[in-house]
Amino acid sequence: MIEGEIIKFYRKRRGLSQEQLGKDICTTTHVSKIERGQTKYSTEIIALFSKRLDIDIQREIQFFQDMEKKLHQWHNSIIMQRMKEVEKTKSELDQFPIVQSSKHATLYQMVLARYYLLKNDSKKAAEILKRIKTDHLTPYEDNMYKHVKGIYYLQKYNNFHVENRKKAIELLSTIDKISYGNEEYCYHLAMAYQWVESKTMAYINAKKAMHYFKRNNNFSRAIQAESVMLLQIECATQVEFEQKVDRYLQLIQDSETLNEIGIIGMLLHNLGLEFFKRKDYENAHIYYQKALKMADKKTAIYLNRLYNFLDNSIDGKLQSQKQNLKSAEEGLTAAKMLKHHLYLHLFQLHLHILKGELDAYFSYLEKVALPFFQAHNQFSRIDKFGKQLYHYYADTKQYEKAVKISALFLARD
């Protein structure tokens, strides 16, 4: 019976033996049978136990009966990213520690891990995931475990490591959507495919996620999914590009209506990237700058936006040498603080170029940066910087090195 399970949990939590709990109330044998649901008992005995354990038994029973429903509500609010509701439900659950020892304890642990991932606390999420025993999960729990762990790999610190993205794809692509029912995982799968530069798979999964979010009236997440789709689309004509820009502007307007500041910043940055790819540096500068102002300086998002802003400014000759140096030095300092090696190398390369230190630039590129890009399968950067190094070797008549380096990017052409 529910009362017995509750009494047993709080007795152990208070550090009492069955004998101590039953003292002056009933026998130890009777306490044991009540806890195991093997005997009838009076409401007076339960009331006396509750007083000794300092619990409101009726409140505990009500929670116990609603526990599974409450956990699914919490999970849904996390999916919808309704932060007030997320925090309110967590606060309610924190008042009932029995959830951690109930038959729904595994579900609770997985939703809690998702909560910490939503809060960008990968360390706590990892600790929880390690404690979950995967031997006897229900089909729903098994798929949820794959989903949560897939998100963890995507968010893992320094997530530019390609092995994390591949692990995410391996897990997320094996989810059974019928048993799970939460097609949000398609969004995370799309992100993983995007980061390994698989445009077709990224587009397909982002489209699935967008439709799922729209069916559930989750318009903010639908915008996020569509933004991933837009990044995969290549425009053959100027008319197609203008249509794409119009769609970005509409999504930004929709995000403003929803007051989704983070999504607005992401869309502005992506639109800047679209103009940059077409070498329209002035328009790219406008959107990159707006996105940069919206980013938290203590995050990798800020590093990414600052680097792209600086890259565009240099290529488009839009800032003075002094302004570019200031941006590069700011980026290098921030990368060191965050211990983000990718941007540490990228900003260091910019500094060498801006200071006119060409020998130092190519030396750093050859000995430090390019090996790092290779080790982490940064394909676009291997292409870009590998070609620079190839031309440098050819111009300086280092032909053996030129032949060796050409293999890095010619194989991908």
Protein backbone atom coordinates (compact mmCIF):
# COMPACT_ATOMS: atom_id res chain seq x y z
CA MET A 1 0.00 0.00 0.00
CA ILE A 2 1.10 3.57 -0.66
CA GLU A 3 1.11 4.57 3.00
CA GLY A 4 3.51 1.74 3.89
CA GLU A 5 5.97 2.68 1.15
CA ILE A 6 5.90 6.32 2.26
CA ILE A 7 6.36 5.42 5.93
CA LYS A 8 9.30 3.14 5.09
CA PHE A 9 11.02 5.82 3.00
CA TYR A 10 10.82 8.54 5.66
CA ARG A 11 11.68 6.14 8.49
CA LYS A 12 14.96 5.29 6.74
CA ARG A 13 15.51 8.92 5.84
CA ARG A 14 15.18 9.88 9.53
CA GLY A 15 17.56 7.09 10.53
CA LEU A 16 15.01 5.22 12.64
CA SER A 17 14.69 1.48 13.06
CA GLN A 18 11.28 -0.20 12.83
CA GLU A 19 11.43 -0.70 16.59
CA GLN A 20 12.07 3.02 17.20
CA LEU A 21 9.24 4.05 14.90
CA GLY A 22 6.78 1.67 16.53
CA LYS A 23 7.73 2.41 20.14
CA ASP A 24 4.57 3.02 22.22
CA ILE A 25 2.49 2.72 19.01
CA CYS A 26 2.66 -0.89 17.82
CA THR A 27 4.99 -3.88 17.58
CA THR A 28 8.05 -4.02 15.31
CA THR A 29 6.39 -6.89 13.40
CA HIS A 30 3.35 -4.75 12.74
CA VAL A 31 5.53 -1.88 11.46
CA SER A 32 7.27 -4.32 9.10
CA LYS A 33 3.97 -5.67 7.74
CA ILE A 34 2.57 -2.13 7.25
CA GLU A 35 5.66 -1.11 5.28
CA ARG A 36 5.37 -4.20 3.07
CA GLY A 37 1.60 -3.78 2.62
CA GLN A 38 0.89 -7.16 4.22
CA THR A 39 -1.63 -6.14 6.87
CA LYS A 40 -4.55 -3.90 7.62
CA TYR A 41 -3.97 -0.93 9.88
CA SER A 42 -5.91 1.91 11.43
CA THR A 43 -5.72 5.52 10.33
CA GLU A 44 -4.72 6.37 13.91
CA ILE A 45 -1.51 4.34 13.62
CA ILE A 46 -0.59 6.04 10.33
CA ALA A 47 -1.32 9.43 11.91
CA LEU A 48 1.01 8.61 14.85
CA PHE A 49 3.75 7.42 12.48
CA SER A 50 3.35 10.62 10.42
CA LYS A 51 3.65 12.80 13.52
CA ARG A 52 6.80 10.97 14.62
CA LEU A 53 8.29 11.29 11.13
CA ASP A 54 7.13 14.93 10.81
CA ILE A 55 5.32 14.43 7.50
CA ASP A 56 1.89 15.29 6.11
CA ILE A 57 0.78 11.82 5.03
CA GLN A 58 -2.20 13.00 2.96
CA ARG A 59 0.01 15.45 1.04
CA GLU A 60 2.58 12.69 0.46
CA ILE A 61 -0.10 10.28 -0.77
CA GLN A 62 -1.48 12.86 -3.20
CA PHE A 63 1.99 13.55 -4.59
CA PHE A 64 2.74 9.83 -4.84
CA GLN A 65 -0.40 9.27 -6.90
CA ASP A 66 0.37 12.22 -9.22
CA MET A 67 4.12 11.60 -9.43
CA GLU A 68 4.38 10.14 -12.94
CA LYS A 69 2.05 12.78 -14.36
CA LYS A 70 4.09 15.53 -12.67
CA LEU A 71 7.36 14.17 -14.08
CA HIS A 72 5.98 14.11 -17.62
CA GLN A 73 4.69 17.67 -17.15
CA TRP A 74 8.18 18.72 -16.05
CA HIS A 75 9.73 17.01 -19.06
CA ASN A 76 7.26 18.69 -21.40
CA SER A 77 7.97 22.14 -19.95
CA ILE A 78 11.69 21.50 -20.56
CA ILE A 79 10.97 20.54 -24.17
CA MET A 80 8.87 23.69 -24.58
CA GLN A 81 11.61 25.69 -22.75
CA ARG A 82 9.03 27.40 -20.54
CA MET A 83 11.52 28.36 -17.87
CA LYS A 84 9.09 29.65 -15.22
CA GLU A 85 7.13 26.42 -15.42
CA VAL A 86 10.35 24.37 -15.42
CA GLU A 87 11.61 26.00 -12.21
CA LYS A 88 8.19 25.91 -10.53
CA THR A 89 7.80 22.16 -11.14
CA LYS A 90 11.35 21.43 -9.97
CA SER A 91 10.67 23.37 -6.79
CA GLU A 92 7.52 21.29 -6.20
CA LEU A 93 9.38 18.02 -6.78
CA ASP A 94 12.20 19.08 -4.44
CA GLN A 95 9.65 19.13 -1.61
CA PHE A 96 9.03 15.38 -2.02
CA PRO A 97 12.36 13.49 -1.79
CA ILE A 98 10.49 10.19 -2.02
CA VAL A 99 10.49 10.64 -5.81
CA GLN A 100 14.16 9.61 -5.75
CA SER A 101 13.34 6.19 -4.27
CA SER A 102 10.02 5.44 -5.96
CA LYS A 103 9.34 3.25 -8.98
CA HIS A 104 9.64 6.45 -11.03
CA ALA A 105 13.15 7.24 -9.73
CA THR A 106 14.81 6.47 -13.08
CA LEU A 107 12.40 8.74 -14.96
CA TYR A 108 13.05 11.46 -12.39
CA GLN A 109 16.83 11.12 -12.81
CA MET A 110 16.59 11.42 -16.60
CA VAL A 111 14.35 14.48 -16.48
CA LEU A 112 16.69 15.99 -13.88
CA ALA A 113 19.64 15.39 -16.24
CA ARG A 114 17.69 17.17 -18.99
CA TYR A 115 17.04 20.04 -16.59
CA TYR A 116 20.77 20.49 -15.98
CA LEU A 117 21.50 20.29 -19.71
CA LEU A 118 18.91 23.02 -20.26
CA LYS A 119 20.81 25.05 -17.64
CA ASN A 120 24.09 24.29 -19.49
CA ASP A 121 25.45 22.34 -16.51
CA SER A 122 26.91 19.34 -18.37
CA LYS A 123 28.92 18.24 -15.34
CA LYS A 124 25.87 17.62 -13.14
CA ALA A 125 24.04 16.00 -16.04
CA ALA A 126 26.98 13.62 -16.58
CA GLU A 127 27.02 12.64 -12.89
CA ILE A 128 23.32 11.75 -13.04
CA LEU A 129 23.64 9.79 -16.30
CA LYS A 130 26.46 7.71 -14.79
CA ARG A 131 24.20 6.68 -11.90
CA ILE A 132 21.36 5.43 -14.10
CA LYS A 133 21.26 1.65 -14.45
CA THR A 134 20.26 0.82 -18.03
CA ASP A 135 19.63 -2.94 -17.56
CA HIS A 136 15.88 -2.83 -16.91
CA LEU A 137 14.60 0.33 -18.55
CA THR A 138 11.14 0.47 -20.09
CA PRO A 139 11.07 1.16 -23.88
CA TYR A 140 10.15 4.79 -23.14
CA GLU A 141 12.97 5.17 -20.60
CA ASP A 142 15.48 3.50 -22.93
CA ASN A 143 14.71 5.97 -25.71
CA MET A 144 14.71 8.89 -23.33
CA TYR A 145 18.12 7.81 -22.01
CA LYS A 146 19.50 7.81 -25.58
CA HIS A 147 18.00 11.25 -26.16
CA VAL A 148 19.38 12.80 -22.97
CA LYS A 149 22.82 11.28 -23.48
CA GLY A 150 22.79 12.46 -27.11
CA ILE A 151 22.08 16.02 -25.94
CA TYR A 152 24.89 15.64 -23.41
CA TYR A 153 27.37 14.75 -26.16
CA LEU A 154 26.25 17.76 -28.19
CA GLN A 155 26.67 20.09 -25.20
CA LYS A 156 29.83 18.55 -23.81
CA TYR A 157 32.41 21.23 -23.11
CA ASN A 158 34.49 22.00 -26.19
CA ASN A 159 31.80 20.28 -28.23
CA PHE A 160 33.69 20.88 -31.46
CA HIS A 161 35.21 17.44 -30.81
CA VAL A 162 33.86 15.42 -33.70
CA GLU A 163 33.74 12.22 -31.64
CA ASN A 164 31.09 13.80 -29.41
CA ARG A 165 28.96 14.63 -32.43
CA LYS A 166 29.36 11.15 -33.87
CA LYS A 167 28.38 9.60 -30.53
CA ALA A 168 25.32 11.86 -30.51
CA ILE A 169 24.35 10.69 -34.01
CA GLU A 170 24.85 7.04 -33.05
CA LEU A 171 22.54 7.38 -30.06
CA LEU A 172 19.88 9.70 -31.48
CA SER A 173 19.51 7.82 -34.77
CA THR A 174 18.55 4.62 -32.89
CA ILE A 175 15.60 6.20 -31.04
CA ASP A 176 12.24 4.56 -31.74
CA LYS A 177 9.88 7.51 -32.17
CA ILE A 178 6.80 5.30 -31.66
CA SER A 179 7.92 4.04 -28.25
CA TYR A 180 9.24 7.45 -27.26
CA GLY A 181 6.68 9.81 -28.80
CA ASN A 182 8.92 12.85 -28.36
CA GLU A 183 10.16 13.83 -31.83
CA GLU A 184 12.12 16.72 -30.37
CA TYR A 185 15.13 14.39 -30.69
CA CYS A 186 15.02 15.07 -34.46
CA TYR A 187 16.11 18.65 -33.73
CA HIS A 188 19.16 17.47 -31.79
CA LEU A 189 19.92 14.91 -34.50
CA ALA A 190 19.75 17.71 -37.08
CA MET A 191 22.23 19.77 -35.05
CA ALA A 192 24.62 16.82 -34.85
CA TYR A 193 24.44 16.25 -38.62
CA GLN A 194 24.95 19.97 -39.26
CA TRP A 195 28.12 19.98 -37.16
CA VAL A 196 29.59 17.09 -39.17
CA GLU A 197 28.61 18.95 -42.36
CA SER A 198 25.96 16.45 -43.51
CA LYS A 199 23.55 18.99 -44.98
CA THR A 200 20.94 16.62 -46.36
CA MET A 201 20.47 14.69 -43.10
CA ALA A 202 20.50 17.93 -41.12
CA TYR A 203 17.73 19.36 -43.33
CA ILE A 204 15.58 16.19 -43.21
CA ASN A 205 15.70 15.93 -39.41
CA ALA A 206 15.24 19.67 -38.85
CA LYS A 207 12.11 19.55 -41.02
CA LYS A 208 10.71 16.64 -38.97
CA ALA A 209 11.42 18.59 -35.78
CA MET A 210 9.79 21.74 -37.15
CA HIS A 211 6.57 19.89 -37.97
CA TYR A 212 6.56 18.24 -34.53
CA PHE A 213 6.99 21.59 -32.76
CA LYS A 214 4.25 23.20 -34.85
CA ARG A 215 1.83 20.35 -34.10
CA ASN A 216 2.44 21.00 -30.41
CA ASN A 217 2.15 24.80 -30.74
CA ASN A 218 5.81 25.15 -29.73
CA PHE A 219 6.49 28.08 -32.05
CA SER A 220 9.81 29.14 -30.55
CA ARG A 221 11.31 25.70 -31.09
CA ALA A 222 9.75 25.54 -34.57
CA ILE A 223 11.69 28.71 -35.43
CA GLN A 224 14.89 27.13 -34.13
CA ALA A 225 14.31 24.06 -36.30
CA GLU A 226 13.55 26.14 -39.40
CA SER A 227 16.74 28.14 -38.83
CA VAL A 228 18.71 24.88 -39.12
CA MET A 229 16.86 24.11 -42.37
CA LEU A 230 17.71 27.55 -43.80
CA LEU A 231 21.42 27.05 -43.14
CA GLN A 232 21.44 23.91 -45.28
CA ILE A 233 19.82 25.56 -48.34
CA GLU A 234 22.13 26.74 -51.11
CA CYS A 235 20.73 29.52 -53.34
CA ALA A 236 21.46 29.23 -57.06
CA THR A 237 20.07 32.67 -57.98
CA GLN A 238 19.79 36.14 -56.46
CA VAL A 239 16.01 35.78 -56.38
CA GLU A 240 16.31 32.62 -54.28
CA PHE A 241 18.71 34.38 -51.93
CA GLU A 242 16.34 37.35 -51.51
CA GLN A 243 13.53 34.94 -50.67
CA LYS A 244 15.77 33.32 -48.10
CA VAL A 245 16.61 36.70 -46.55
CA ASP A 246 12.90 37.56 -46.41
CA ARG A 247 12.27 34.31 -44.53
CA TYR A 248 15.02 35.15 -42.02
CA LEU A 249 13.52 38.60 -41.45
CA GLN A 250 10.07 37.08 -40.94
CA LEU A 251 11.45 34.61 -38.39
CA ILE A 252 13.21 37.46 -36.57
CA GLN A 253 9.94 39.38 -36.45
CA ASP A 254 8.11 36.29 -35.15
CA SER A 255 10.79 35.84 -32.48
CA GLU A 256 10.41 39.45 -31.42
CA THR A 257 6.67 38.86 -30.98
CA LEU A 258 7.49 35.84 -28.80
CA ASN A 259 10.17 37.87 -26.95
CA GLU A 260 12.76 35.16 -27.69
CA ILE A 261 15.95 37.22 -27.35
CA GLY A 262 18.30 34.24 -27.69
CA ILE A 263 16.64 33.08 -30.91
CA ILE A 264 16.73 36.62 -32.34
CA GLY A 265 20.49 36.77 -31.74
CA MET A 266 20.99 33.39 -33.39
CA LEU A 267 18.94 34.37 -36.46
CA LEU A 268 20.76 37.70 -36.84
CA HIS A 269 24.10 35.89 -36.71
CA ASN A 270 22.99 33.26 -39.23
CA LEU A 271 21.75 35.98 -41.58
CA GLY A 272 25.13 37.69 -41.28
CA LEU A 273 26.74 34.39 -42.23
CA GLU A 274 24.52 34.11 -45.32
CA PHE A 275 25.67 37.55 -46.54
CA PHE A 276 29.31 36.74 -45.69
CA LYS A 277 29.21 33.57 -47.82
CA ARG A 278 28.13 35.77 -50.75
CA LYS A 279 30.93 38.27 -49.95
CA ASP A 280 28.40 40.99 -49.17
CA TYR A 281 30.55 42.20 -46.28
CA GLU A 282 28.64 45.39 -45.52
CA ASN A 283 25.32 43.65 -44.95
CA ALA A 284 27.06 40.83 -43.09
CA HIS A 285 28.67 43.47 -40.83
CA ILE A 286 25.26 44.92 -39.93
CA TYR A 287 23.77 41.61 -38.81
CA TYR A 288 26.96 40.25 -37.20
CA GLN A 289 27.25 43.42 -35.12
CA LYS A 290 23.63 43.23 -33.93
CA ALA A 291 24.07 39.56 -32.99
CA LEU A 292 27.36 40.25 -31.19
CA LYS A 293 25.77 42.89 -28.97
CA MET A 294 23.18 40.35 -27.85
CA ALA A 295 25.67 37.65 -26.77
CA ASP A 296 26.93 37.00 -23.24
CA LYS A 297 30.67 37.73 -23.26
CA LYS A 298 31.36 34.78 -20.97
CA THR A 299 30.12 32.18 -23.44
CA ALA A 300 31.38 30.28 -26.48
CA ILE A 301 28.51 31.85 -28.42
CA TYR A 302 30.17 35.23 -27.94
CA LEU A 303 33.53 33.84 -29.14
CA ASN A 304 31.89 32.46 -32.27
CA ARG A 305 30.11 35.71 -33.07
CA LEU A 306 33.15 37.88 -32.34
CA TYR A 307 35.36 35.72 -34.55
CA ASN A 308 32.92 35.84 -37.48
CA PHE A 309 32.43 39.59 -36.98
CA LEU A 310 36.21 40.12 -37.06
CA ASP A 311 36.72 37.77 -40.02
CA ASN A 312 34.11 39.70 -42.00
CA SER A 313 35.57 43.08 -40.96
CA ILE A 314 39.04 42.06 -42.15
CA ASP A 315 37.87 40.59 -45.46
CA GLY A 316 35.58 43.55 -46.14
CA LYS A 317 38.04 46.17 -44.86
CA LEU A 318 35.28 47.61 -42.66
CA GLN A 319 37.26 48.52 -39.53
CA SER A 320 40.54 50.24 -38.85
CA GLN A 321 43.67 48.24 -38.03
CA LYS A 322 43.41 49.44 -34.43
CA GLN A 323 39.78 48.28 -34.12
CA ASN A 324 40.58 44.87 -35.61
CA LEU A 325 43.53 44.39 -33.24
CA LYS A 326 41.34 45.28 -30.29
CA SER A 327 38.72 42.73 -31.36
CA ALA A 328 41.33 40.00 -31.89
CA GLU A 329 42.98 40.64 -28.51
CA GLU A 330 39.58 40.63 -26.79
CA GLY A 331 38.76 37.32 -28.46
CA LEU A 332 42.08 35.73 -27.48
CA THR A 333 41.66 36.83 -23.85
CA ALA A 334 38.09 35.48 -23.72
CA ALA A 335 39.15 32.17 -25.34
CA LYS A 336 41.88 31.72 -22.73
CA MET A 337 39.41 32.43 -19.91
CA LEU A 338 36.98 29.85 -21.28
CA LYS A 339 39.82 27.44 -22.14
CA HIS A 340 38.32 27.18 -25.61
CA HIS A 341 41.23 25.96 -27.71
CA LEU A 342 39.53 26.28 -31.08
CA TYR A 343 38.99 30.03 -30.75
CA LEU A 344 42.32 30.49 -29.00
CA HIS A 345 44.02 29.26 -32.19
CA LEU A 346 41.73 31.21 -34.52
CA PHE A 347 42.20 34.54 -32.73
CA GLN A 348 45.95 33.94 -32.44
CA LEU A 349 46.13 33.48 -36.21
CA HIS A 350 44.24 36.73 -36.73
CA LEU A 351 46.64 38.57 -34.43
CA HIS A 352 49.67 37.38 -36.38
CA ILE A 353 48.11 38.57 -39.65
CA LEU A 354 46.97 41.92 -38.23
CA LYS A 355 50.46 42.59 -36.84
CA GLY A 356 52.06 41.68 -40.18
CA GLU A 357 53.87 38.69 -38.64
CA LEU A 358 53.64 36.42 -41.69
CA ASP A 359 56.49 34.08 -40.74
CA ALA A 360 55.02 33.65 -37.26
CA TYR A 361 51.57 33.17 -38.80
CA PHE A 362 52.60 30.31 -41.08
CA SER A 363 54.80 28.75 -38.40
CA TYR A 364 51.87 28.74 -35.94
CA LEU A 365 49.54 27.46 -38.63
CA GLU A 366 51.90 24.62 -39.57
CA LYS A 367 52.95 23.50 -36.08
CA VAL A 368 49.91 24.27 -33.89
CA ALA A 369 46.66 25.33 -35.53
CA LEU A 370 46.39 22.99 -38.55
CA PRO A 371 47.30 19.87 -36.53
CA PHE A 372 44.57 20.88 -34.08
CA PHE A 373 42.02 21.30 -36.89
CA GLN A 374 43.03 17.87 -38.26
CA ALA A 375 42.78 16.19 -34.86
CA HIS A 376 39.25 17.49 -34.42
CA ASN A 377 38.07 17.02 -38.03
CA GLN A 378 37.43 20.72 -38.60
CA PHE A 379 36.96 20.11 -42.32
CA SER A 380 36.07 23.63 -43.46
CA ARG A 381 39.07 25.05 -41.59
CA ILE A 382 41.38 22.31 -42.90
CA ASP A 383 40.30 23.38 -46.42
CA LYS A 384 40.71 27.11 -45.78
CA PHE A 385 43.98 27.10 -43.86
CA GLY A 386 45.40 24.07 -45.65
CA LYS A 387 45.16 25.92 -48.96
CA GLN A 388 46.84 28.97 -47.45
CA LEU A 389 49.70 26.82 -46.22
CA TYR A 390 49.94 25.07 -49.60
CA HIS A 391 50.38 28.39 -51.46
CA TYR A 392 52.90 29.55 -48.84
CA TYR A 393 54.98 26.38 -49.35
CA ALA A 394 54.74 26.71 -53.13
CA ASP A 395 55.73 30.39 -53.05
CA THR A 396 58.70 29.66 -50.75
CA LYS A 397 59.70 26.64 -52.91
CA GLN A 398 59.08 24.09 -50.14
CA TYR A 399 57.66 21.67 -52.70
CA GLU A 400 57.73 18.48 -50.62
CA LYS A 401 55.65 20.15 -47.92
CA ALA A 402 53.33 21.60 -50.59
CA VAL A 403 52.63 18.13 -52.02
CA LYS A 404 52.03 16.69 -48.54
CA ILE A 405 49.65 19.45 -47.46
CA SER A 406 47.67 19.33 -50.72
CA ALA A 407 46.43 15.85 -49.82
CA LEU A 408 44.51 17.33 -46.87
CA PHE A 409 42.09 19.36 -48.96
CA LEU A 410 42.27 17.97 -52.49
CA ALA A 411 40.68 14.74 -51.27
CA ARG A 412 37.62 16.74 -50.15
CA ASP A 413 37.23 18.73 -53.40
